[in-house]
C-alpha cells in the first residue's frame, strides 16, 4: 500500500539562545500557513479499513487488538457496545461519496483558512 509523500519545509531558527524583549504582535508576525492533507478521503490513498467506500465493507475504529475483521462476521462496534477499538460494517450513511468528500474539503478548508490560522503566527 502506498501513501502520499509529505511536504517538508525547512525552517531556520536562531539557536544562539538570544531572547528578544519585543512582544509578539500581529504587526511583527505573520499568520502560520497550514496545509491540510485530504489524501485519505480518496480510496486509493486511504489505509485499509479506515474509511467506508462500499456498504457492507468492514471498517475499524481506533486500534482493535485483532488485525482483521471478526471471522464470525459479527461487528464489535455497536450502539450498546464499545465505541472505540472495534470493528464495524459500513452502512449507506457511512459511505464517502464524491459529493460528501467535496463538502468536507470545502468546510475544513474554510475553517482552517478563516479561523484556525488566525490563532497561530510566526515571526
Foldseek 3Di string as FASTA:
>chain_A
DDADDDDDDDDDDDPPPDDDPDDDDCVPWAFDDDDDDLQCLDPVHNDPQPADADFFDKHAFAAAPDPDADPVSDWQCDPPHDPHNTMDTDHPVRHRDPVNSVVVVVVVVCCVVPPVSVVDIGD
